[in-house]
Amino acid sequence: MNRPLAPSAEALVQQRIRSDVQAMHAYGVQDPQGMVKLDAMENPFRLSAELQAALGARLGAVALNRYPGVRVNDLRQALAQYAQMPSGYNIVLGNGSDELISLISLACAVPRDARTGQKPVVLAPVPGFVMYAMSAQLQGMEFVGVPLTPDFALDVPAMLSAIARTQPAVVYLAYPNNPTANLWNEADMAQVVAAAGACGSLVVLDEAYQPFASRSYWDIVRAQPEAHSHVLLMRTLSKFGLAGIRLGYLMGPAALVAELDKVRPPYNISVLNCECALFALEHADAFAQQAQAICDERARLLQALRTMPRLTVWDSQANMILVRVASPAGVDAAQRVFEALRRHGVLIKNVSKMHPLLADCLRLTVGTADENTQLLAALEASL
């Protein structure tokens, strides 16, 4: 008896995979083999040989045959102490900030309003981190992007109008912002945070690049917790220097964090990630020295880039620098410089197609002194 054939993979895609997912592009990762890798805002420094040996011995003793246990609670306490978490707050861990963003969308993706048919809204300034929009879409929420001003400042009237109009479930404020690398004016931030609170929105303060910034909005939240009961702080150890372990954390009023923790997958933080993070926090001074070295190199890069023809260079409070290449009509100068840098063995990020405000823009990660010297030489040749 002949059994009916199963449908082809292509047919199953059409039949079973959501059409909006089919229309999406997977997050692209560039091949860095043989290149000076300055495209992903990573800390370029590795641990010293002494710390590598100490960490290796510690990881070798971890019980890999067991699910994560009480050490995860030890890490939560260590992070809470490191970030000076206020009393009455709690903390949830994620497999990088990406998972935390997904958990926020999952928890806030209430059904459409039966009366208006409105989806719950996630709102953020744009250009910004792409995962805010992607996560919202995947959970059936609507993403509303509010353009920054041409100099990448918060457009406060536009933000306040959008908040009043859409009544968002979540407002993301990246501080510093990615890919523009700037800190927004504190008074502007305060207006947006207050407006979001007045309409019942959660505000997620994304401070992924805090190790390189001159100030933190978290200080304002900690000083006035009653006025910020709707604000959650999200940070990551990726920019601390541990991008490879995928460890993010989110803090906020305990009642809010408890609800977000309900949608977290059990055992989402591996025993190896946990032990690496604890080890790093015990050696926070070493990572602080790395961050200072990156800030020093950032200053050198900014000074050198501003002497180059055809480049507009923005100030940075992160471990990246945004530049715009002067482009004659009909010429994609950013792509040409990007490709020329690749030929010189330097990999950066072409962000010129991410948003109209980023036209002709490239994003450069701050590397080691040698890597930055290679970048500058390659840029001079490419320009």
Foldseek 3Di string as FASTA:
>chain_A
DDDDDDDDPVVCCVVPPDPVVVVDDDDDDDDQVLFLEWADQFLFDDDDPVLVVVLVVVLVPDDQVDFDDCLVVVLQVLVCVVLVPDPQKGKDKALAVLRVLLLLLQLQFDQQDPVPRATAEEEEEPPFDPSNCVSNVVSPHHYHYFYAPLLRERPLVSLLVCCVVRVHQEYEDEAVTPPAQHGYDPVSVVSNQQSNVVSNHAYEYEDAFVLQAPDDCVVVCNVPVVSRQRYKYKYACRNLRCVPQRMIMIMHRHVVVVSSNVPDDPSNHGPSSSSVSVSCSVVSVVSSVSSVQLNVLLVVLVVLQVVDPQWDWDDHSGQKTKIAGNDDPPGQLLVQLQVQSVVLRHHHARCCPVDVSQNRMTMTGRYHPVSSVSVSVSNNVSD
